[in-house]
N, C-alpha and C. Protein backbone atom coordinates (compact mmCIF):
# COMPACT_ATOMS: atom_id res chain seq x y z
N UNK A 1 23.93 0.35 -22.49
CA UNK A 1 24.15 0.36 -21.04
C UNK A 1 22.84 0.02 -20.34
N UNK A 2 22.93 -0.85 -19.36
CA UNK A 2 21.74 -1.23 -18.61
C UNK A 2 21.21 -0.04 -17.82
N UNK A 3 19.90 -0.06 -17.59
CA UNK A 3 19.30 1.00 -16.79
C UNK A 3 19.92 1.01 -15.39
N UNK A 4 20.09 2.20 -14.85
CA UNK A 4 20.54 2.30 -13.47
C UNK A 4 19.43 1.83 -12.54
N UNK A 5 19.77 1.35 -11.35
CA UNK A 5 18.72 0.96 -10.40
C UNK A 5 17.83 2.15 -10.06
N UNK A 6 16.57 1.85 -9.79
CA UNK A 6 15.68 2.89 -9.28
C UNK A 6 16.23 3.44 -7.97
N UNK A 7 16.01 4.71 -7.74
CA UNK A 7 16.26 5.28 -6.41
C UNK A 7 14.91 5.49 -5.75
N UNK A 8 14.70 4.82 -4.65
CA UNK A 8 13.46 4.94 -3.90
C UNK A 8 13.75 5.77 -2.65
N UNK A 9 13.12 6.92 -2.56
CA UNK A 9 13.30 7.80 -1.41
C UNK A 9 12.13 7.58 -0.46
N UNK A 10 12.43 7.06 0.72
CA UNK A 10 11.38 6.82 1.70
C UNK A 10 11.78 5.74 2.67
N UNK A 11 11.35 5.89 3.90
CA UNK A 11 11.68 4.93 4.97
C UNK A 11 11.00 3.58 4.69
N UNK A 12 11.68 2.50 5.06
CA UNK A 12 11.20 1.16 4.73
C UNK A 12 9.98 0.76 5.54
N UNK A 13 9.66 1.49 6.62
CA UNK A 13 8.47 1.16 7.40
C UNK A 13 7.25 1.98 6.99
N UNK A 14 7.37 2.75 5.93
CA UNK A 14 6.24 3.51 5.42
C UNK A 14 5.26 2.60 4.67
N UNK A 15 3.98 2.76 4.96
CA UNK A 15 2.94 1.98 4.28
C UNK A 15 3.06 2.11 2.77
N UNK A 16 3.21 3.32 2.27
CA UNK A 16 3.23 3.54 0.83
C UNK A 16 4.56 3.16 0.19
N UNK A 17 5.65 3.33 0.89
CA UNK A 17 6.94 2.89 0.36
C UNK A 17 6.96 1.38 0.22
N UNK A 18 6.36 0.68 1.17
CA UNK A 18 6.35 -0.78 1.13
C UNK A 18 5.60 -1.32 -0.09
N UNK A 19 4.62 -0.60 -0.59
CA UNK A 19 3.96 -1.01 -1.83
C UNK A 19 4.97 -1.10 -2.97
N UNK A 20 5.80 -0.08 -3.08
CA UNK A 20 6.79 -0.04 -4.17
C UNK A 20 7.86 -1.10 -3.97
N UNK A 21 8.32 -1.26 -2.74
CA UNK A 21 9.32 -2.28 -2.46
C UNK A 21 8.79 -3.68 -2.80
N UNK A 22 7.54 -3.93 -2.43
CA UNK A 22 6.95 -5.24 -2.71
C UNK A 22 6.89 -5.50 -4.21
N UNK A 23 6.43 -4.51 -4.99
CA UNK A 23 6.36 -4.71 -6.43
C UNK A 23 7.74 -4.92 -7.03
N UNK A 24 8.71 -4.13 -6.63
CA UNK A 24 10.07 -4.31 -7.15
C UNK A 24 10.58 -5.71 -6.84
N UNK A 25 10.27 -6.22 -5.66
CA UNK A 25 10.67 -7.57 -5.28
C UNK A 25 9.98 -8.60 -6.17
N UNK A 26 8.69 -8.44 -6.40
CA UNK A 26 7.95 -9.38 -7.25
C UNK A 26 8.52 -9.42 -8.67
N UNK A 27 8.89 -8.26 -9.19
CA UNK A 27 9.32 -8.18 -10.59
C UNK A 27 10.83 -8.27 -10.76
N UNK A 28 11.57 -8.33 -9.66
CA UNK A 28 13.03 -8.38 -9.77
C UNK A 28 13.64 -7.09 -10.27
N UNK A 29 13.04 -5.95 -9.94
CA UNK A 29 13.54 -4.65 -10.38
C UNK A 29 14.63 -4.20 -9.41
N UNK A 30 15.84 -3.94 -9.88
CA UNK A 30 16.89 -3.47 -8.97
C UNK A 30 16.63 -2.04 -8.50
N UNK A 31 16.96 -1.79 -7.24
CA UNK A 31 16.72 -0.46 -6.68
C UNK A 31 17.68 -0.21 -5.53
N UNK A 32 17.83 1.05 -5.23
CA UNK A 32 18.45 1.48 -3.98
C UNK A 32 17.40 2.26 -3.21
N UNK A 33 17.52 2.27 -1.90
CA UNK A 33 16.53 2.98 -1.10
C UNK A 33 17.24 3.88 -0.11
N UNK A 34 16.67 5.08 0.08
CA UNK A 34 17.23 6.06 1.01
C UNK A 34 16.18 6.44 2.04
N UNK A 35 16.58 6.53 3.29
CA UNK A 35 15.65 6.85 4.37
C UNK A 35 15.26 8.33 4.35
N UNK A 36 13.97 8.56 4.15
CA UNK A 36 13.36 9.88 4.25
C UNK A 36 12.04 9.73 4.96
N UNK A 37 11.63 10.75 5.67
CA UNK A 37 10.33 10.73 6.33
C UNK A 37 10.45 10.55 7.82
N UNK A 38 9.35 10.23 8.46
CA UNK A 38 9.26 10.21 9.92
C UNK A 38 10.43 9.46 10.56
N UNK A 39 11.18 10.18 11.41
CA UNK A 39 12.31 9.59 12.11
C UNK A 39 13.62 9.63 11.35
N UNK A 40 13.58 10.09 10.11
CA UNK A 40 14.78 10.14 9.27
C UNK A 40 14.91 11.55 8.68
N UNK A 41 15.53 11.67 7.54
CA UNK A 41 15.67 12.99 6.93
C UNK A 41 14.29 13.59 6.63
N UNK A 42 14.09 14.84 6.98
CA UNK A 42 12.75 15.43 6.79
C UNK A 42 12.44 15.66 5.31
N UNK A 43 11.18 15.48 4.98
CA UNK A 43 10.74 15.67 3.60
C UNK A 43 10.38 17.12 3.31
N UNK A 44 10.69 18.02 4.25
CA UNK A 44 10.40 19.44 4.07
C UNK A 44 11.63 20.23 3.65
N UNK A 45 12.74 19.55 3.37
CA UNK A 45 13.94 20.26 2.91
C UNK A 45 13.71 20.77 1.49
N UNK A 46 14.38 21.84 1.11
CA UNK A 46 14.21 22.35 -0.26
C UNK A 46 14.52 21.31 -1.33
N UNK A 47 15.55 20.49 -1.12
CA UNK A 47 15.89 19.48 -2.11
C UNK A 47 14.77 18.48 -2.30
N UNK A 48 14.17 18.02 -1.20
CA UNK A 48 13.08 17.05 -1.34
C UNK A 48 11.85 17.70 -1.93
N UNK A 49 11.54 18.92 -1.52
CA UNK A 49 10.34 19.59 -2.03
C UNK A 49 10.43 19.87 -3.52
N UNK A 50 11.63 19.99 -4.04
CA UNK A 50 11.76 20.14 -5.49
C UNK A 50 11.33 18.86 -6.20
N UNK A 51 11.50 17.73 -5.54
CA UNK A 51 11.09 16.45 -6.12
C UNK A 51 9.60 16.18 -5.89
N UNK A 52 9.12 16.54 -4.71
CA UNK A 52 7.71 16.31 -4.37
C UNK A 52 7.21 17.46 -3.51
N UNK A 53 6.52 18.41 -4.10
CA UNK A 53 6.05 19.57 -3.34
C UNK A 53 5.10 19.24 -2.20
N UNK A 54 4.48 18.05 -2.21
CA UNK A 54 3.57 17.71 -1.11
C UNK A 54 4.30 17.04 0.04
N UNK A 55 5.62 16.89 -0.06
CA UNK A 55 6.48 16.46 1.06
C UNK A 55 6.12 15.08 1.58
N UNK A 56 5.81 14.15 0.68
CA UNK A 56 5.46 12.80 1.10
C UNK A 56 6.34 11.77 0.41
N UNK A 57 6.51 10.63 1.07
CA UNK A 57 7.19 9.50 0.46
C UNK A 57 6.13 8.48 0.02
N UNK A 58 6.48 7.67 -1.02
CA UNK A 58 7.76 7.58 -1.68
C UNK A 58 7.90 8.58 -2.83
N UNK A 59 9.16 8.88 -3.13
CA UNK A 59 9.53 9.47 -4.40
C UNK A 59 10.45 8.45 -5.07
N UNK A 60 10.22 8.20 -6.33
CA UNK A 60 11.05 7.25 -7.08
C UNK A 60 11.71 8.00 -8.24
N UNK A 61 13.02 7.82 -8.35
CA UNK A 61 13.78 8.43 -9.43
C UNK A 61 14.20 7.32 -10.40
N UNK A 62 13.69 7.42 -11.61
CA UNK A 62 14.04 6.46 -12.67
C UNK A 62 14.81 7.23 -13.73
N UNK A 63 16.13 7.30 -13.56
CA UNK A 63 16.92 8.18 -14.39
C UNK A 63 16.54 9.62 -14.09
N UNK A 64 16.15 10.34 -15.12
CA UNK A 64 15.74 11.74 -14.94
C UNK A 64 14.26 11.88 -14.60
N UNK A 65 13.53 10.79 -14.62
CA UNK A 65 12.10 10.85 -14.37
C UNK A 65 11.84 10.81 -12.87
N UNK A 66 11.05 11.76 -12.39
CA UNK A 66 10.69 11.83 -10.97
C UNK A 66 9.24 11.37 -10.83
N UNK A 67 9.03 10.37 -9.98
CA UNK A 67 7.71 9.79 -9.79
C UNK A 67 7.26 9.97 -8.36
N UNK A 68 6.00 10.26 -8.16
CA UNK A 68 5.42 10.33 -6.83
C UNK A 68 4.00 9.79 -6.89
N UNK A 69 3.41 9.55 -5.72
CA UNK A 69 2.11 8.91 -5.53
C UNK A 69 2.26 7.40 -5.77
N UNK A 70 2.12 6.65 -4.70
CA UNK A 70 2.49 5.23 -4.73
C UNK A 70 1.73 4.44 -5.79
N UNK A 71 0.45 4.68 -5.97
CA UNK A 71 -0.29 3.88 -6.95
C UNK A 71 0.10 4.25 -8.38
N UNK A 72 0.40 5.51 -8.62
CA UNK A 72 0.90 5.89 -9.94
C UNK A 72 2.25 5.23 -10.20
N UNK A 73 3.08 5.13 -9.18
CA UNK A 73 4.38 4.48 -9.34
C UNK A 73 4.19 2.99 -9.65
N UNK A 74 3.27 2.33 -8.96
CA UNK A 74 3.02 0.92 -9.24
C UNK A 74 2.58 0.71 -10.68
N UNK A 75 1.67 1.54 -11.16
CA UNK A 75 1.19 1.40 -12.54
C UNK A 75 2.34 1.62 -13.53
N UNK A 76 3.12 2.64 -13.28
CA UNK A 76 4.24 2.95 -14.16
C UNK A 76 5.21 1.78 -14.25
N UNK A 77 5.57 1.21 -13.12
CA UNK A 77 6.55 0.12 -13.13
C UNK A 77 6.01 -1.10 -13.85
N UNK A 78 4.73 -1.40 -13.67
CA UNK A 78 4.15 -2.52 -14.41
C UNK A 78 4.17 -2.28 -15.91
N UNK A 79 3.80 -1.07 -16.31
CA UNK A 79 3.80 -0.75 -17.74
C UNK A 79 5.21 -0.79 -18.31
N UNK A 80 6.17 -0.22 -17.60
CA UNK A 80 7.54 -0.18 -18.10
C UNK A 80 8.13 -1.58 -18.24
N UNK A 81 7.81 -2.45 -17.30
CA UNK A 81 8.44 -3.77 -17.27
C UNK A 81 7.54 -4.86 -17.87
N UNK A 82 6.48 -4.46 -18.53
CA UNK A 82 5.65 -5.42 -19.25
C UNK A 82 4.96 -6.43 -18.35
N UNK A 83 4.60 -6.02 -17.15
CA UNK A 83 3.99 -6.94 -16.18
C UNK A 83 2.48 -6.98 -16.39
N UNK A 84 2.07 -7.49 -17.55
CA UNK A 84 0.65 -7.46 -17.90
C UNK A 84 -0.17 -8.40 -17.03
N UNK A 85 0.43 -9.45 -16.51
CA UNK A 85 -0.32 -10.34 -15.62
C UNK A 85 -0.77 -9.59 -14.37
N UNK A 86 0.06 -8.65 -13.90
CA UNK A 86 -0.29 -7.88 -12.71
C UNK A 86 -1.19 -6.70 -13.04
N UNK A 87 -1.03 -6.16 -14.24
CA UNK A 87 -1.79 -4.96 -14.64
C UNK A 87 -2.32 -5.21 -16.05
N UNK A 88 -3.38 -5.99 -16.17
CA UNK A 88 -3.82 -6.47 -17.49
C UNK A 88 -4.28 -5.35 -18.41
N UNK A 89 -4.05 -5.57 -19.70
CA UNK A 89 -4.39 -4.56 -20.70
C UNK A 89 -5.88 -4.50 -21.03
N UNK A 90 -6.59 -5.63 -21.14
CA UNK A 90 -8.02 -5.55 -21.51
C UNK A 90 -8.78 -4.66 -20.53
N UNK A 91 -9.54 -3.70 -21.04
CA UNK A 91 -10.23 -2.77 -20.13
C UNK A 91 -11.11 -3.45 -19.10
N UNK A 92 -11.78 -4.53 -19.47
CA UNK A 92 -12.67 -5.20 -18.54
C UNK A 92 -11.92 -5.84 -17.38
N UNK A 93 -10.64 -6.17 -17.58
CA UNK A 93 -9.82 -6.71 -16.51
C UNK A 93 -9.10 -5.60 -15.75
N UNK A 94 -8.60 -4.63 -16.49
CA UNK A 94 -7.87 -3.56 -15.83
C UNK A 94 -8.76 -2.77 -14.87
N UNK A 95 -10.00 -2.57 -15.23
CA UNK A 95 -10.88 -1.78 -14.38
C UNK A 95 -11.11 -2.47 -13.03
N UNK A 96 -11.03 -3.80 -13.00
CA UNK A 96 -11.17 -4.50 -11.72
C UNK A 96 -9.99 -4.21 -10.80
N UNK A 97 -8.80 -4.13 -11.38
CA UNK A 97 -7.61 -3.75 -10.61
C UNK A 97 -7.72 -2.31 -10.14
N UNK A 98 -8.12 -1.43 -11.05
CA UNK A 98 -8.19 0.00 -10.74
C UNK A 98 -9.21 0.31 -9.65
N UNK A 99 -10.32 -0.38 -9.65
CA UNK A 99 -11.36 -0.04 -8.66
C UNK A 99 -10.87 -0.35 -7.25
N UNK A 100 -10.16 -1.46 -7.07
CA UNK A 100 -9.59 -1.75 -5.76
C UNK A 100 -8.58 -0.68 -5.37
N UNK A 101 -7.69 -0.33 -6.29
CA UNK A 101 -6.63 0.63 -5.98
C UNK A 101 -7.21 1.99 -5.63
N UNK A 102 -8.21 2.43 -6.37
CA UNK A 102 -8.80 3.75 -6.12
C UNK A 102 -9.58 3.75 -4.81
N UNK A 103 -10.30 2.69 -4.53
CA UNK A 103 -11.06 2.60 -3.28
C UNK A 103 -10.11 2.64 -2.08
N UNK A 104 -9.02 1.90 -2.17
CA UNK A 104 -8.06 1.88 -1.07
C UNK A 104 -7.40 3.24 -0.91
N UNK A 105 -7.05 3.88 -2.02
CA UNK A 105 -6.36 5.18 -1.95
C UNK A 105 -7.25 6.25 -1.34
N UNK A 106 -8.54 6.10 -1.47
CA UNK A 106 -9.43 7.13 -0.94
C UNK A 106 -10.09 6.69 0.36
N UNK A 107 -11.05 5.78 0.30
CA UNK A 107 -11.83 5.44 1.49
C UNK A 107 -10.97 4.83 2.59
N UNK A 108 -10.19 3.83 2.26
CA UNK A 108 -9.44 3.13 3.30
C UNK A 108 -8.29 3.95 3.85
N UNK A 109 -7.65 4.73 3.01
CA UNK A 109 -6.55 5.56 3.51
C UNK A 109 -7.06 6.57 4.52
N UNK A 110 -8.20 7.18 4.25
CA UNK A 110 -8.77 8.13 5.20
C UNK A 110 -9.15 7.43 6.51
N UNK A 111 -9.75 6.26 6.40
CA UNK A 111 -10.15 5.54 7.61
C UNK A 111 -8.95 5.16 8.45
N UNK A 112 -7.87 4.74 7.80
CA UNK A 112 -6.70 4.28 8.55
C UNK A 112 -5.99 5.42 9.26
N UNK A 113 -6.15 6.64 8.79
CA UNK A 113 -5.53 7.77 9.49
C UNK A 113 -6.07 7.88 10.91
N UNK A 114 -7.38 7.74 11.04
CA UNK A 114 -7.95 7.81 12.37
C UNK A 114 -7.62 6.59 13.21
N UNK A 115 -7.76 5.41 12.63
CA UNK A 115 -7.58 4.18 13.39
C UNK A 115 -6.12 3.93 13.75
N UNK A 116 -5.22 4.26 12.84
CA UNK A 116 -3.80 3.93 13.07
C UNK A 116 -3.00 5.15 13.52
N UNK A 117 -2.95 6.19 12.69
CA UNK A 117 -2.14 7.36 13.05
C UNK A 117 -2.67 8.02 14.32
N UNK A 118 -4.00 8.14 14.41
CA UNK A 118 -4.57 8.77 15.60
C UNK A 118 -4.72 7.84 16.76
N UNK A 119 -5.36 6.68 16.52
CA UNK A 119 -5.68 5.78 17.62
C UNK A 119 -4.51 4.99 18.15
N UNK A 120 -3.62 4.54 17.26
CA UNK A 120 -2.51 3.70 17.71
C UNK A 120 -1.23 4.50 17.95
N UNK A 121 -0.89 5.38 17.02
CA UNK A 121 0.35 6.14 17.17
C UNK A 121 0.16 7.43 17.97
N UNK A 122 -1.09 7.84 18.15
CA UNK A 122 -1.41 9.07 18.90
C UNK A 122 -0.73 10.30 18.29
N UNK A 123 -0.70 10.34 16.95
CA UNK A 123 -0.08 11.47 16.26
C UNK A 123 -1.09 12.60 16.07
N UNK A 124 -0.67 13.80 16.40
CA UNK A 124 -1.48 14.98 16.09
C UNK A 124 -1.34 15.30 14.61
N UNK A 125 -2.39 15.80 13.96
CA UNK A 125 -3.72 16.13 14.51
C UNK A 125 -4.70 14.96 14.45
N UNK A 126 -4.20 13.78 14.04
CA UNK A 126 -5.10 12.65 13.82
C UNK A 126 -5.65 12.07 15.12
N UNK A 127 -5.09 12.44 16.26
CA UNK A 127 -5.49 11.83 17.53
C UNK A 127 -6.68 12.53 18.20
N UNK A 128 -7.35 13.41 17.47
CA UNK A 128 -8.61 13.96 17.97
C UNK A 128 -9.58 12.80 18.26
N UNK A 129 -10.16 12.74 19.46
CA UNK A 129 -11.00 11.58 19.81
C UNK A 129 -12.12 11.30 18.81
N UNK A 130 -12.75 12.35 18.31
CA UNK A 130 -13.82 12.13 17.34
C UNK A 130 -13.26 11.50 16.08
N UNK A 131 -12.11 11.99 15.62
CA UNK A 131 -11.52 11.48 14.39
C UNK A 131 -11.09 10.03 14.55
N UNK A 132 -10.53 9.71 15.72
CA UNK A 132 -10.13 8.32 16.00
C UNK A 132 -11.34 7.40 15.96
N UNK A 133 -12.40 7.79 16.66
CA UNK A 133 -13.60 6.95 16.70
C UNK A 133 -14.20 6.78 15.30
N UNK A 134 -14.24 7.87 14.53
CA UNK A 134 -14.79 7.78 13.18
C UNK A 134 -13.91 6.92 12.29
N UNK A 135 -12.59 7.06 12.43
CA UNK A 135 -11.68 6.25 11.64
C UNK A 135 -11.84 4.76 11.93
N UNK A 136 -11.97 4.41 13.19
CA UNK A 136 -12.16 3.00 13.54
C UNK A 136 -13.48 2.47 12.98
N UNK A 137 -14.51 3.29 13.05
CA UNK A 137 -15.80 2.88 12.50
C UNK A 137 -15.71 2.69 10.99
N UNK A 138 -15.08 3.64 10.30
CA UNK A 138 -14.97 3.56 8.85
C UNK A 138 -14.06 2.42 8.41
N UNK A 139 -12.97 2.20 9.14
CA UNK A 139 -12.06 1.10 8.82
C UNK A 139 -12.82 -0.23 8.94
N UNK A 140 -13.57 -0.39 9.99
CA UNK A 140 -14.35 -1.62 10.18
C UNK A 140 -15.37 -1.79 9.06
N UNK A 141 -16.05 -0.71 8.71
CA UNK A 141 -17.03 -0.78 7.62
C UNK A 141 -16.37 -1.22 6.31
N UNK A 142 -15.23 -0.62 5.99
CA UNK A 142 -14.54 -0.97 4.74
C UNK A 142 -14.08 -2.43 4.76
N UNK A 143 -13.59 -2.89 5.89
CA UNK A 143 -13.13 -4.27 5.95
C UNK A 143 -14.29 -5.26 5.87
N UNK A 144 -15.45 -4.88 6.36
CA UNK A 144 -16.64 -5.73 6.16
C UNK A 144 -16.99 -5.81 4.68
N UNK A 145 -16.83 -4.71 3.96
CA UNK A 145 -17.07 -4.73 2.52
C UNK A 145 -16.08 -5.65 1.81
N UNK A 146 -14.80 -5.57 2.21
CA UNK A 146 -13.80 -6.47 1.62
C UNK A 146 -14.14 -7.92 1.94
N UNK A 147 -14.58 -8.18 3.16
CA UNK A 147 -15.00 -9.53 3.54
C UNK A 147 -16.10 -10.04 2.62
N UNK A 148 -17.07 -9.18 2.32
CA UNK A 148 -18.16 -9.59 1.46
C UNK A 148 -17.70 -9.98 0.07
N UNK A 149 -16.72 -9.26 -0.45
CA UNK A 149 -16.20 -9.60 -1.79
C UNK A 149 -15.37 -10.87 -1.75
N UNK A 150 -14.47 -10.96 -0.79
CA UNK A 150 -13.57 -12.10 -0.74
C UNK A 150 -14.28 -13.40 -0.35
N UNK A 151 -15.46 -13.28 0.23
CA UNK A 151 -16.20 -14.47 0.67
C UNK A 151 -16.84 -15.23 -0.49
N UNK A 152 -16.71 -14.72 -1.72
CA UNK A 152 -17.33 -15.41 -2.86
C UNK A 152 -16.49 -16.58 -3.37
N UNK A 153 -15.37 -16.86 -2.72
CA UNK A 153 -14.55 -18.00 -3.10
C UNK A 153 -13.32 -17.66 -3.91
N UNK A 154 -13.17 -16.40 -4.29
CA UNK A 154 -11.98 -16.02 -5.05
C UNK A 154 -10.74 -16.19 -4.18
N UNK A 155 -9.61 -16.45 -4.81
CA UNK A 155 -8.36 -16.62 -4.07
C UNK A 155 -7.72 -15.28 -3.74
N UNK A 156 -7.82 -14.33 -4.69
CA UNK A 156 -7.14 -13.05 -4.54
C UNK A 156 -8.10 -11.92 -4.92
N UNK A 157 -7.63 -10.70 -4.93
CA UNK A 157 -8.54 -9.56 -5.08
C UNK A 157 -9.36 -9.62 -6.36
N UNK A 158 -8.73 -10.01 -7.46
CA UNK A 158 -9.42 -9.99 -8.76
C UNK A 158 -9.66 -11.39 -9.32
N UNK A 159 -9.59 -12.39 -8.50
CA UNK A 159 -9.81 -13.75 -8.97
C UNK A 159 -8.74 -14.68 -8.45
N UNK A 160 -8.25 -15.54 -9.33
CA UNK A 160 -7.25 -16.52 -8.92
C UNK A 160 -5.83 -16.09 -9.24
N UNK A 161 -5.65 -14.93 -9.89
CA UNK A 161 -4.33 -14.47 -10.31
C UNK A 161 -3.91 -13.25 -9.50
N UNK A 162 -2.66 -13.25 -9.06
CA UNK A 162 -2.10 -12.11 -8.34
C UNK A 162 -2.02 -10.91 -9.28
N UNK A 163 -2.55 -9.78 -8.84
CA UNK A 163 -2.52 -8.55 -9.63
C UNK A 163 -2.04 -7.39 -8.77
N UNK A 164 -1.92 -6.25 -9.41
CA UNK A 164 -1.50 -5.05 -8.71
C UNK A 164 -2.46 -4.68 -7.58
N UNK A 165 -3.72 -5.06 -7.70
CA UNK A 165 -4.70 -4.75 -6.66
C UNK A 165 -4.33 -5.40 -5.33
N UNK A 166 -3.65 -6.55 -5.38
CA UNK A 166 -3.33 -7.26 -4.15
C UNK A 166 -2.25 -6.56 -3.33
N UNK A 167 -1.47 -5.68 -3.95
CA UNK A 167 -0.42 -5.02 -3.19
C UNK A 167 -1.00 -4.02 -2.19
N UNK A 168 -1.77 -3.03 -2.61
CA UNK A 168 -2.37 -2.16 -1.58
C UNK A 168 -3.34 -2.89 -0.67
N UNK A 169 -4.12 -3.82 -1.23
CA UNK A 169 -5.07 -4.54 -0.38
C UNK A 169 -4.34 -5.41 0.64
N UNK A 170 -3.26 -6.04 0.23
CA UNK A 170 -2.50 -6.86 1.17
C UNK A 170 -1.92 -6.07 2.31
N UNK A 171 -1.49 -4.83 2.04
CA UNK A 171 -0.96 -3.99 3.10
C UNK A 171 -2.08 -3.49 4.02
N UNK A 172 -3.25 -3.22 3.44
CA UNK A 172 -4.40 -2.83 4.27
C UNK A 172 -4.79 -3.96 5.21
N UNK A 173 -4.84 -5.18 4.68
CA UNK A 173 -5.23 -6.32 5.50
C UNK A 173 -4.21 -6.55 6.62
N UNK A 174 -2.94 -6.42 6.30
CA UNK A 174 -1.91 -6.54 7.33
C UNK A 174 -2.13 -5.50 8.43
N UNK A 175 -2.43 -4.27 8.03
CA UNK A 175 -2.67 -3.22 9.03
C UNK A 175 -3.92 -3.53 9.85
N UNK A 176 -4.95 -4.06 9.22
CA UNK A 176 -6.17 -4.39 9.95
C UNK A 176 -5.88 -5.35 11.10
N UNK A 177 -5.09 -6.36 10.84
CA UNK A 177 -4.80 -7.33 11.89
C UNK A 177 -3.78 -6.79 12.90
N UNK A 178 -2.98 -5.81 12.50
CA UNK A 178 -1.95 -5.28 13.41
C UNK A 178 -2.46 -4.16 14.30
N UNK A 179 -3.40 -3.37 13.81
CA UNK A 179 -3.85 -2.21 14.58
C UNK A 179 -4.60 -2.67 15.82
N UNK A 180 -4.45 -1.92 16.89
CA UNK A 180 -5.02 -2.30 18.18
C UNK A 180 -5.86 -1.15 18.73
N UNK A 181 -6.55 -1.43 19.83
CA UNK A 181 -7.24 -0.38 20.56
C UNK A 181 -8.73 -0.36 20.38
N UNK A 182 -9.32 -1.27 19.58
CA UNK A 182 -10.77 -1.32 19.43
C UNK A 182 -11.18 -2.74 19.06
N UNK A 183 -12.44 -3.03 19.29
CA UNK A 183 -12.98 -4.36 18.99
C UNK A 183 -13.18 -4.49 17.49
N UNK A 184 -12.68 -5.61 16.95
CA UNK A 184 -12.81 -5.87 15.51
C UNK A 184 -13.61 -7.14 15.29
N UNK A 185 -14.50 -7.15 14.32
CA UNK A 185 -15.27 -8.36 14.04
C UNK A 185 -14.39 -9.44 13.41
N UNK A 186 -14.83 -10.68 13.55
CA UNK A 186 -14.16 -11.77 12.84
C UNK A 186 -14.46 -11.66 11.35
N UNK A 187 -13.43 -11.74 10.54
CA UNK A 187 -13.57 -11.66 9.09
C UNK A 187 -12.85 -12.86 8.48
N UNK A 188 -13.50 -14.02 8.42
CA UNK A 188 -12.80 -15.24 8.01
C UNK A 188 -12.28 -15.21 6.58
N UNK A 189 -13.01 -14.59 5.66
CA UNK A 189 -12.53 -14.55 4.28
C UNK A 189 -11.31 -13.65 4.16
N UNK A 190 -11.30 -12.54 4.90
CA UNK A 190 -10.13 -11.67 4.91
C UNK A 190 -8.93 -12.39 5.53
N UNK A 191 -9.17 -13.13 6.61
CA UNK A 191 -8.09 -13.87 7.26
C UNK A 191 -7.53 -14.94 6.33
N UNK A 192 -8.39 -15.62 5.59
CA UNK A 192 -7.90 -16.64 4.65
C UNK A 192 -7.11 -15.99 3.51
N UNK A 193 -7.56 -14.84 3.05
CA UNK A 193 -6.82 -14.09 2.02
C UNK A 193 -5.44 -13.70 2.55
N UNK A 194 -5.39 -13.23 3.78
CA UNK A 194 -4.13 -12.87 4.44
C UNK A 194 -3.17 -14.05 4.44
N UNK A 195 -3.67 -15.22 4.75
CA UNK A 195 -2.82 -16.41 4.78
C UNK A 195 -2.38 -16.82 3.38
N UNK A 196 -3.25 -16.68 2.39
CA UNK A 196 -2.85 -17.03 1.02
C UNK A 196 -1.76 -16.09 0.52
N UNK A 197 -1.93 -14.80 0.78
CA UNK A 197 -0.89 -13.85 0.37
C UNK A 197 0.44 -14.17 1.04
N UNK A 198 0.38 -14.70 2.26
CA UNK A 198 1.59 -14.96 3.03
C UNK A 198 2.41 -16.10 2.46
N UNK A 199 1.91 -16.75 1.43
CA UNK A 199 2.70 -17.74 0.72
C UNK A 199 3.67 -17.09 -0.26
N UNK A 200 3.56 -15.78 -0.44
CA UNK A 200 4.44 -15.06 -1.36
C UNK A 200 5.61 -14.48 -0.56
N UNK A 201 6.84 -14.88 -0.88
CA UNK A 201 8.00 -14.37 -0.13
C UNK A 201 8.09 -12.85 -0.10
N UNK A 202 7.73 -12.19 -1.21
CA UNK A 202 7.82 -10.73 -1.25
C UNK A 202 6.84 -10.08 -0.28
N UNK A 203 5.70 -10.72 -0.07
CA UNK A 203 4.74 -10.19 0.91
C UNK A 203 5.28 -10.36 2.32
N UNK A 204 5.90 -11.46 2.59
CA UNK A 204 6.48 -11.66 3.92
C UNK A 204 7.58 -10.63 4.19
N UNK A 205 8.30 -10.24 3.16
CA UNK A 205 9.38 -9.27 3.36
C UNK A 205 8.86 -7.84 3.50
N UNK A 206 7.81 -7.49 2.79
CA UNK A 206 7.40 -6.08 2.73
C UNK A 206 5.98 -5.82 3.21
N UNK A 207 5.20 -6.88 3.45
CA UNK A 207 3.82 -6.70 3.91
C UNK A 207 3.62 -7.27 5.29
N UNK A 208 3.65 -8.57 5.38
CA UNK A 208 3.45 -9.24 6.67
C UNK A 208 4.82 -9.45 7.32
N UNK A 209 5.42 -8.34 7.70
CA UNK A 209 6.81 -8.37 8.15
C UNK A 209 6.97 -7.78 9.55
N UNK A 210 5.89 -7.82 10.31
CA UNK A 210 5.96 -7.29 11.66
C UNK A 210 5.66 -5.81 11.77
N UNK A 211 5.49 -5.13 10.64
CA UNK A 211 5.17 -3.71 10.65
C UNK A 211 3.67 -3.53 10.41
N UNK A 212 3.03 -2.60 11.11
CA UNK A 212 1.60 -2.37 10.88
C UNK A 212 1.37 -1.56 9.61
């Protein structure tokens, strides 16, 4: 019997849910998606908390296996489906993918809370003026660092081949250009990367799709 489709729990406009949707689209993985999170079913219900005690989306159900944390889900799906081009096995190549993913999960995610959740959406508690200003400063600093790397002539995050690193980075870059409310420097290498990624239909559907 063929595997049942993945069940993806999380609203389609969620930054982290879109990472999983994009990868499934790239790999042709069948899935169903259910709306949970902001504006939909709350993630604080007992049923959801049994799946993810930290009350965040996405949660992915692969049969009896319960998966949470978007980057862990991306790695799992690549390993399960043999997507070695996206998540290479040689340690010297895999570490290049991992460093982007870890940096985005930590430094950039924190910065975007202030710049986007606080500054653009005005969500408490992120809308504290100090936190907003610091988030915008940190987001700009991180994007200048990305500009420095991408300016070396590479086509994508880890060279000329699309990898798992491009999924979180592509969503960060989309958010950088979408977020408003502060002056942003010109980043030509980041802009060119944004345009190259936009040649991928799955990115247009789940990354550069009008959502910040």
